[in-house]
Amino acid sequence: MKRVSVVVPVYNEEGNVRELHQEIKEVCEANGYVYEIIFVDDGSTDKSVEIARQLKPIKLIRMRRNFGQTAAMDAGIKAAQYDYIVTMDGDRQNDPADIPKMIEYLESNDLDVVSGWRKNRKDSLMKKFTSRVANFLRGIIVKDHIHDSGCSLKVYRKECFENVHLYGEMHRFIPALLESKGFVVGEMVVNHRPRTQGVTKYNWKRTFKGFVDMIAVWFWHNYSTRPLHMMGSAGLIFLMLGGACGIWSVVIFFLGYKMSNNMIPPLLTIFFVIIGLLFFIFGLMSDILVKTYYGANIDSPYSIKETIEN
């Protein structure tokens, strides 16, 4: 029997909580799953918690305040106990009916992750445009080969999240993070439904934060264990430029030009040498910090108020 944990971050979704829980429950029971439904309330100010308390079966995790979707998802994933972890949004735009097909696709193709692809999105024109721009940039910077990494509907094997900590807006880039660790990622087209209750939580601030995190993922993907390679290479380039400017200065001197009339070559020599040395120093410091990171216990960026199980 398949053992499935469904993780749903919730923030002010009082109009969707009960119906979404019922849909997930029906799908899991129809397919004979051993399952748990984990709702993570991310500091809702409406009746979401009050409604969720009445549902069964459910594991309700309450955050002390609004820490963001990534933190809520991380808390739910860490609380999950079954072999497959399914993540999805709490606005009912993701369709629970896709879960069995995604699990089957994961098993038949021997994958570790299956990411949903909202090929026919039911969103506003502006949201579609923003998403396409983000996906284009992600394809260039992160190169995770996923059409729609922003889709929250995903299926993971539980072992994917051993020693993985999510922060910022990193939930969008989980496939890229896992791919860098050697996990096999696939995707399939899923149903996307129009929002019927509540309001969207996406805005320009989340878009900006997502772009910044995209740069962090790129660095982590390529240089998480060897930051000195990137910064050391940059330092070497600047030192070579400094050397070239130094040779230029010497040639000018021996040709009889007055250095007081042409200070640009020696100034560039000093500038490039200092920048090159700084890059090497930053690279060494980053190398030390990375080793410290891998050897230390990481503090959690969020706080859980209580966990309720019905």
Protein backbone atom coordinates (compact mmCIF):
# COMPACT_ATOMS: atom_id res chain seq x y z
CA MET A 1 0.00 0.00 0.00
CA LYS A 2 1.25 3.46 -0.86
CA ARG A 3 1.92 5.74 2.11
CA VAL A 4 1.32 9.40 1.28
CA SER A 5 1.73 12.66 3.20
CA VAL A 6 -0.08 15.65 1.69
CA VAL A 7 1.36 19.00 2.80
CA VAL A 8 -0.71 22.16 2.27
CA PRO A 9 0.46 25.65 3.39
CA VAL A 10 -2.60 27.76 4.25
CA TYR A 11 -2.87 31.52 4.66
CA ASN A 12 -6.32 33.15 4.88
CA GLU A 13 -8.12 30.45 2.90
CA GLU A 14 -11.28 30.06 4.98
CA GLY A 15 -13.35 29.59 1.83
CA ASN A 16 -11.17 26.72 0.56
CA VAL A 17 -9.94 24.75 3.58
CA ARG A 18 -12.92 22.45 4.08
CA GLU A 19 -13.48 21.65 0.39
CA LEU A 20 -9.79 21.04 -0.29
CA HIS A 21 -9.49 18.70 2.69
CA GLN A 22 -12.52 16.75 1.47
CA GLU A 23 -11.08 16.44 -2.04
CA ILE A 24 -7.72 15.17 -0.76
CA LYS A 25 -9.44 12.72 1.58
CA GLU A 26 -11.62 11.30 -1.19
CA VAL A 27 -8.69 10.84 -3.58
CA CYS A 28 -6.52 9.11 -0.96
CA GLU A 29 -9.29 6.78 0.18
CA ALA A 30 -10.39 5.96 -3.38
CA ASN A 31 -6.82 4.84 -4.17
CA GLY A 32 -6.35 2.88 -0.94
CA TYR A 33 -3.53 5.03 0.38
CA VAL A 34 -2.28 5.05 3.94
CA TYR A 35 -2.28 8.81 4.23
CA GLU A 36 -2.02 11.90 6.36
CA ILE A 37 -3.18 15.42 5.54
CA ILE A 38 -0.96 18.17 6.95
CA PHE A 39 -2.28 21.72 6.87
CA VAL A 40 0.25 24.37 7.92
CA ASP A 41 -1.45 27.60 8.94
CA ASP A 42 0.94 30.45 8.20
CA GLY A 43 -0.49 33.02 10.61
CA SER A 44 -3.98 33.32 9.11
CA THR A 45 -6.15 36.17 10.39
CA ASP A 46 -9.48 34.76 9.15
CA LYS A 47 -11.35 31.58 10.17
CA SER A 48 -8.97 29.14 8.46
CA VAL A 49 -7.70 27.66 11.75
CA GLU A 50 -11.18 27.49 13.26
CA ILE A 51 -12.45 25.52 10.27
CA ALA A 52 -9.37 23.29 10.03
CA ARG A 53 -9.71 22.26 13.70
CA GLN A 54 -13.03 20.60 12.85
CA LEU A 55 -11.63 18.41 10.05
CA LYS A 56 -10.65 14.75 10.34
CA PRO A 57 -8.17 13.28 9.70
CA ILE A 58 -5.75 16.18 9.84
CA LYS A 59 -2.47 17.30 11.33
CA LEU A 60 -2.72 21.05 11.77
CA ILE A 61 0.52 22.94 12.33
CA ARG A 62 0.14 26.56 13.44
CA MET A 63 2.95 29.03 12.87
CA ARG A 64 3.32 31.83 15.43
CA ARG A 65 3.04 34.44 12.68
CA ASN A 66 3.16 34.76 8.90
CA PHE A 67 6.62 33.46 7.97
CA GLY A 68 5.85 32.88 4.27
CA GLN A 69 4.93 29.93 2.08
CA THR A 70 8.42 28.45 1.99
CA ALA A 71 8.67 28.30 5.80
CA ALA A 72 5.20 26.77 6.06
CA MET A 73 6.08 24.18 3.44
CA ASP A 74 9.34 23.33 5.20
CA ALA A 75 7.51 22.85 8.51
CA GLY A 76 4.95 20.56 6.88
CA ILE A 77 7.60 18.53 5.05
CA LYS A 78 9.57 18.02 8.26
CA ALA A 79 6.39 16.80 9.97
CA ALA A 80 5.57 14.33 7.17
CA GLN A 81 6.18 10.68 8.05
CA TYR A 82 5.22 8.68 4.94
CA ASP A 83 7.14 7.51 1.86
CA TYR A 84 5.71 10.02 -0.61
CA ILE A 85 5.34 13.72 0.16
CA VAL A 86 2.85 15.67 -1.91
CA THR A 87 2.87 19.48 -1.74
CA MET A 88 0.12 21.70 -3.08
CA ASP A 89 -1.39 25.17 -2.67
CA GLY A 90 -4.29 25.88 -0.34
CA ASP A 91 -6.32 27.87 -2.88
CA ARG A 92 -7.80 24.78 -4.62
CA GLN A 93 -6.24 25.70 -7.96
CA ASN A 94 -4.16 22.52 -7.76
CA ASP A 95 -6.30 19.45 -8.38
CA PRO A 96 -5.90 16.57 -5.87
CA ALA A 97 -7.13 14.20 -8.60
CA ASP A 98 -3.67 14.53 -10.20
CA ILE A 99 -1.92 12.98 -7.19
CA PRO A 100 -2.39 9.29 -8.17
CA LYS A 101 -1.22 9.97 -11.74
CA MET A 102 1.87 11.78 -10.48
CA ILE A 103 2.79 8.99 -8.07
CA GLU A 104 2.33 6.43 -10.83
CA TYR A 105 4.50 8.51 -13.17
CA LEU A 106 7.20 8.79 -10.50
CA GLU A 107 7.26 5.04 -9.91
CA SER A 108 7.09 3.97 -13.55
CA ASN A 109 9.98 6.27 -14.52
CA ASP A 110 12.05 5.63 -11.38
CA LEU A 111 12.07 9.32 -10.44
CA ASP A 112 12.66 11.03 -7.11
CA VAL A 113 10.57 14.12 -7.88
CA VAL A 114 7.62 14.83 -10.16
CA SER A 115 6.85 18.51 -10.67
CA GLY A 116 3.47 19.65 -11.94
CA TRP A 117 3.29 21.69 -15.14
CA ARG A 118 0.31 24.05 -15.35
CA LYS A 119 0.32 24.06 -19.13
CA ASN A 120 -3.14 25.63 -19.34
CA ARG A 121 -3.11 28.13 -16.48
CA LYS A 122 -6.32 29.72 -15.21
CA ASP A 123 -4.73 32.92 -13.95
CA SER A 124 -4.83 36.60 -14.84
CA LEU A 125 -2.87 37.84 -17.85
CA MET A 126 -0.41 39.75 -15.64
CA LYS A 127 0.25 36.71 -13.45
CA LYS A 128 0.83 34.55 -16.53
CA PHE A 129 3.24 37.12 -17.98
CA THR A 130 5.19 37.43 -14.71
CA SER A 131 5.41 33.66 -14.43
CA ARG A 132 6.68 33.26 -17.98
CA VAL A 133 9.37 35.88 -17.46
CA ALA A 134 10.42 34.17 -14.22
CA ASN A 135 10.49 30.77 -15.93
CA PHE A 136 12.59 32.21 -18.77
CA LEU A 137 15.13 33.69 -16.36
CA ARG A 138 15.15 30.50 -14.31
CA GLY A 139 15.88 28.49 -17.44
CA ILE A 140 18.92 30.67 -18.14
CA ILE A 141 20.26 31.01 -14.60
CA VAL A 142 19.25 27.82 -12.77
CA LYS A 143 18.85 25.48 -15.79
CA ASP A 144 16.63 22.97 -14.00
CA HIS A 145 14.84 21.95 -17.24
CA ILE A 146 11.42 22.39 -15.60
CA HIS A 147 8.70 24.29 -17.47
CA ASP A 148 6.81 25.42 -14.37
CA SER A 149 8.86 25.20 -11.20
CA GLY A 150 6.45 27.66 -9.54
CA CYS A 151 3.71 25.02 -9.50
CA SER A 152 3.32 23.89 -5.89
CA LEU A 153 1.81 20.53 -6.87
CA LYS A 154 4.75 18.15 -6.63
CA VAL A 155 5.44 14.61 -5.45
CA TYR A 156 8.70 13.73 -3.67
CA ARG A 157 10.22 10.66 -2.17
CA LYS A 158 10.71 11.33 1.52
CA GLU A 159 14.47 10.84 1.37
CA CYS A 160 14.75 13.93 -0.84
CA PHE A 161 14.45 16.16 2.21
CA GLU A 162 17.09 14.64 4.44
CA ASN A 163 19.33 17.57 5.48
CA VAL A 164 17.45 20.03 3.23
CA HIS A 165 16.41 23.37 4.75
CA LEU A 166 14.13 25.77 2.87
CA TYR A 167 14.13 29.54 3.33
CA GLY A 168 13.19 32.75 1.50
CA GLU A 169 11.14 31.84 -1.60
CA MET A 170 13.08 28.62 -2.13
CA HIS A 171 9.99 26.42 -2.51
CA ARG A 172 9.98 27.47 -6.19
CA PHE A 173 13.44 26.01 -6.70
CA ILE A 174 13.21 22.72 -4.79
CA PRO A 175 13.67 20.64 -8.00
CA ALA A 176 16.88 22.55 -8.81
CA LEU A 177 18.19 22.10 -5.25
CA LEU A 178 17.46 18.38 -5.30
CA GLU A 179 18.87 17.95 -8.79
CA SER A 180 22.15 19.44 -7.57
CA LYS A 181 22.23 16.71 -4.92
CA GLY A 182 21.82 13.97 -7.54
CA PHE A 183 18.08 13.29 -7.32
CA VAL A 184 16.24 12.57 -10.57
CA VAL A 185 13.54 15.13 -11.42
CA GLY A 186 10.69 14.81 -13.91
CA GLU A 187 7.50 16.69 -14.67
CA MET A 188 4.03 16.09 -16.05
CA VAL A 189 1.11 18.24 -17.15
CA VAL A 190 -1.48 18.75 -14.39
CA ASN A 191 -4.91 20.31 -14.20
CA HIS A 192 -5.07 23.94 -13.08
CA ARG A 193 -8.35 25.35 -11.84
CA PRO A 194 -9.50 28.97 -11.54
CA ARG A 195 -9.60 30.46 -8.06
CA THR A 196 -13.17 30.61 -6.76
CA GLN A 197 -12.63 31.72 -3.16
CA GLY A 198 -10.23 34.16 -1.50
CA VAL A 199 -7.60 36.38 -3.10
CA THR A 200 -4.16 35.67 -4.53
CA LYS A 201 -1.17 36.17 -2.23
CA TYR A 202 1.30 36.87 -5.04
CA ASN A 203 2.63 40.39 -5.59
CA TRP A 204 5.68 42.21 -6.95
CA LYS A 205 7.55 41.76 -3.65
CA ARG A 206 7.38 37.97 -3.92
CA THR A 207 8.52 38.21 -7.55
CA PHE A 208 11.55 40.27 -6.53
CA LYS A 209 12.40 37.93 -3.64
CA GLY A 210 12.06 34.96 -5.98
CA PHE A 211 14.58 36.49 -8.39
CA VAL A 212 17.08 37.11 -5.57
CA ASP A 213 16.66 33.52 -4.38
CA MET A 214 17.18 32.38 -7.98
CA ILE A 215 20.67 33.89 -7.87
CA ALA A 216 21.30 32.13 -4.54
CA VAL A 217 20.18 28.80 -6.02
CA TRP A 218 22.48 29.33 -8.99
CA PHE A 219 25.45 29.94 -6.68
CA TRP A 220 24.52 27.03 -4.43
CA HIS A 221 24.03 24.71 -7.39
CA ASN A 222 27.41 25.51 -8.93
CA TYR A 223 29.67 26.54 -6.07
CA SER A 224 28.18 25.34 -2.78
CA THR A 225 31.16 23.11 -2.05
CA ARG A 226 33.81 25.13 -3.91
CA PRO A 227 33.20 28.90 -3.69
CA LEU A 228 36.95 29.49 -4.04
CA HIS A 229 36.73 28.23 -7.63
CA MET A 230 34.45 31.11 -8.64
CA MET A 231 36.00 33.88 -6.55
CA GLY A 232 39.53 32.60 -7.08
CA SER A 233 39.02 32.60 -10.85
CA ALA A 234 37.71 36.17 -10.71
CA GLY A 235 40.70 37.13 -8.53
CA LEU A 236 43.10 35.54 -11.02
CA ILE A 237 41.56 37.52 -13.89
CA PHE A 238 41.97 40.79 -12.01
CA LEU A 239 45.56 39.92 -11.06
CA MET A 240 46.34 39.20 -14.72
CA LEU A 241 44.85 42.58 -15.66
CA GLY A 242 46.96 44.18 -12.95
CA GLY A 243 50.04 42.44 -14.32
CA ALA A 244 49.27 43.68 -17.83
CA CYS A 245 48.86 47.23 -16.55
CA GLY A 246 52.13 46.87 -14.65
CA ILE A 247 53.95 45.86 -17.84
CA TRP A 248 52.30 48.83 -19.57
CA SER A 249 53.62 51.12 -16.83
CA VAL A 250 57.17 49.72 -17.15
CA VAL A 251 57.14 50.12 -20.94
CA ILE A 252 55.99 53.73 -20.63
CA PHE A 253 58.74 54.39 -18.07
CA PHE A 254 61.54 52.97 -20.26
CA LEU A 255 60.27 54.83 -23.29
CA GLY A 256 60.98 58.03 -21.40
CA TYR A 257 57.45 59.25 -20.74
CA LYS A 258 56.98 61.17 -17.52
CA MET A 259 54.84 59.16 -15.14
CA SER A 260 53.43 62.37 -13.71
CA ASN A 261 51.79 63.01 -17.08
CA ASN A 262 50.35 59.51 -17.39
CA MET A 263 49.24 58.02 -14.05
CA ILE A 264 46.49 55.81 -15.45
CA PRO A 265 48.61 52.60 -15.96
CA PRO A 266 50.10 52.50 -12.44
CA LEU A 267 46.74 53.39 -10.85
CA LEU A 268 45.03 50.60 -12.80
CA THR A 269 47.81 48.22 -11.73
CA ILE A 270 47.20 48.98 -8.06
CA PHE A 271 43.41 48.81 -8.49
CA PHE A 272 43.35 45.45 -10.27
CA VAL A 273 45.89 43.86 -7.92
CA ILE A 274 43.91 44.95 -4.83
CA ILE A 275 40.61 43.71 -6.31
CA GLY A 276 42.22 40.40 -7.28
CA LEU A 277 43.60 39.87 -3.78
CA LEU A 278 40.23 40.75 -2.24
CA PHE A 279 38.47 38.17 -4.39
CA PHE A 280 40.97 35.53 -3.27
CA ILE A 281 40.46 36.48 0.36
CA PHE A 282 36.65 36.42 -0.01
CA GLY A 283 36.94 33.03 -1.71
CA LEU A 284 38.98 31.61 1.16
CA MET A 285 36.55 33.04 3.72
CA SER A 286 33.56 31.61 1.82
CA ASP A 287 35.30 28.23 1.70
CA ILE A 288 35.65 28.30 5.48
CA LEU A 289 32.01 29.39 5.95
CA VAL A 290 30.76 26.58 3.70
CA LYS A 291 32.69 24.00 5.71
CA THR A 292 31.23 25.52 8.89
CA TYR A 293 27.72 25.38 7.39
CA TYR A 294 27.99 21.69 6.58
CA GLY A 295 29.35 20.91 10.03
CA ALA A 296 27.01 22.99 12.16
CA ASN A 297 23.43 22.61 13.33
CA ILE A 298 21.28 25.06 11.36
CA ASP A 299 18.82 27.15 13.35
CA SER A 300 15.24 27.18 12.06
CA PRO A 301 14.09 30.51 10.53
CA TYR A 302 10.54 30.04 11.79
CA SER A 303 8.67 29.08 14.97
CA ILE A 304 5.74 26.68 15.41
CA LYS A 305 3.07 27.60 17.93
CA GLU A 306 1.30 24.24 18.21
CA THR A 307 0.50 21.01 16.38
CA ILE A 308 -3.02 19.60 16.51
CA GLU A 309 -3.89 16.07 15.36
CA ASN A 310 -7.46 14.86 14.81
